[in-house]
Amino acid sequence: MKTALLGDADPDDWDLPPKPKGMRWATYERWVVKYDDAEEMLDAQLAIAAARLMKRF
């Protein structure tokens, strides 16, 4: 998803890149929602994994 929006831009420069010229705002907003949902899921899974590690030590 991020790659599709970044194109040739450096991924380290953007958390989520600006809307590409020619892309409709509705399409971009759908990508933003998908990206935010994926990031929230990743954060939740990271918290679960960290909690499991903390129980071991």
C-alpha atoms as a PDB file:
ATOM      1  CA  MET A   1       0.000   0.000   0.000  1.00  0.00           C
ATOM      2  CA  LYS A   2       2.705   2.427   1.003  1.00  0.00           C
ATOM      3  CA  THR A   3       4.762   1.461  -2.045  1.00  0.00           C
ATOM      4  CA  ALA A   4       1.841   2.115  -4.358  1.00  0.00           C
ATOM      5  CA  LEU A   5       1.487   5.644  -3.014  1.00  0.00           C
ATOM      6  CA  LEU A   6       5.191   6.436  -2.658  1.00  0.00           C
ATOM      7  CA  GLY A   7       6.239   5.670  -6.210  1.00  0.00           C
ATOM      8  CA  ASP A   8       9.809   6.936  -6.565  1.00  0.00           C
ATOM      9  CA  ALA A   9       9.812   8.935  -3.309  1.00  0.00           C
ATOM     10  CA  ASP A  10      12.131   7.984  -0.462  1.00  0.00           C
ATOM     11  CA  PRO A  11      10.089   5.946   2.065  1.00  0.00           C
ATOM     12  CA  ASP A  12      12.111   7.370   4.962  1.00  0.00           C
ATOM     13  CA  ASP A  13      10.821  10.858   4.170  1.00  0.00           C
ATOM     14  CA  TRP A  14       7.140  10.017   4.666  1.00  0.00           C
ATOM     15  CA  ASP A  15       4.969   8.151   7.138  1.00  0.00           C
ATOM     16  CA  LEU A  16       2.239   8.362   4.535  1.00  0.00           C
ATOM     17  CA  PRO A  17       3.073  10.264   1.362  1.00  0.00           C
ATOM     18  CA  PRO A  18       1.058  13.180   0.038  1.00  0.00           C
ATOM     19  CA  LYS A  19      -1.737  12.514  -2.422  1.00  0.00           C
ATOM     20  CA  PRO A  20      -0.282  11.876  -5.876  1.00  0.00           C
ATOM     21  CA  LYS A  21      -1.291  14.289  -8.594  1.00  0.00           C
ATOM     22  CA  GLY A  22      -4.241  12.891 -10.495  1.00  0.00           C
ATOM     23  CA  MET A  23      -5.459  10.623  -7.699  1.00  0.00           C
ATOM     24  CA  ARG A  24      -8.959  11.392  -6.509  1.00  0.00           C
ATOM     25  CA  TRP A  25      -9.311  12.490  -2.911  1.00  0.00           C
ATOM     26  CA  ALA A  26     -11.811   9.722  -2.192  1.00  0.00           C
ATOM     27  CA  THR A  27      -9.283   7.117  -3.366  1.00  0.00           C
ATOM     28  CA  TYR A  28      -6.496   8.664  -1.308  1.00  0.00           C
ATOM     29  CA  GLU A  29      -8.702   8.782   1.783  1.00  0.00           C
ATOM     30  CA  ARG A  30      -9.482   5.062   1.377  1.00  0.00           C
ATOM     31  CA  TRP A  31      -5.730   4.363   1.251  1.00  0.00           C
ATOM     32  CA  VAL A  32      -5.217   6.477   4.383  1.00  0.00           C
ATOM     33  CA  VAL A  33      -7.889   4.505   6.263  1.00  0.00           C
ATOM     34  CA  LYS A  34      -6.351   1.182   5.163  1.00  0.00           C
ATOM     35  CA  TYR A  35      -2.896   2.367   6.209  1.00  0.00           C
ATOM     36  CA  ASP A  36      -4.132   3.588   9.601  1.00  0.00           C
ATOM     37  CA  ASP A  37      -5.994   0.319  10.225  1.00  0.00           C
ATOM     38  CA  ALA A  38      -2.907  -1.734   9.342  1.00  0.00           C
ATOM     39  CA  GLU A  39      -0.715   0.401  11.600  1.00  0.00           C
ATOM     40  CA  GLU A  40      -3.148   0.006  14.515  1.00  0.00           C
ATOM     41  CA  MET A  41      -3.170  -3.778  14.026  1.00  0.00           C
ATOM     42  CA  LEU A  42       0.622  -3.844  13.960  1.00  0.00           C
ATOM     43  CA  ASP A  43       0.807  -1.791  17.168  1.00  0.00           C
ATOM     44  CA  ALA A  44      -1.654  -4.120  18.905  1.00  0.00           C
ATOM     45  CA  GLN A  45       0.284  -7.218  17.853  1.00  0.00           C
ATOM     46  CA  LEU A  46       3.539  -5.631  19.002  1.00  0.00           C
ATOM     47  CA  ALA A  47       2.017  -4.912  22.416  1.00  0.00           C
ATOM     48  CA  ILE A  48       0.849  -8.536  22.703  1.00  0.00           C
ATOM     49  CA  ALA A  49       4.289  -9.846  21.733  1.00  0.00           C
ATOM     50  CA  ALA A  50       6.001  -7.516  24.214  1.00  0.00           C
ATOM     51  CA  ALA A  51       3.657  -8.655  27.000  1.00  0.00           C
ATOM     52  CA  ARG A  52       4.490 -12.290  26.251  1.00  0.00           C
ATOM     53  CA  LEU A  53       8.200 -11.537  26.404  1.00  0.00           C
ATOM     54  CA  MET A  54       7.812  -9.682  29.686  1.00  0.00           C
ATOM     55  CA  LYS A  55       6.106 -12.729  31.241  1.00  0.00           C
ATOM     56  CA  ARG A  56       9.131 -14.872  30.395  1.00  0.00           C
ATOM     57  CA  PHE A  57      11.613 -12.619  32.159  1.00  0.00           C
END
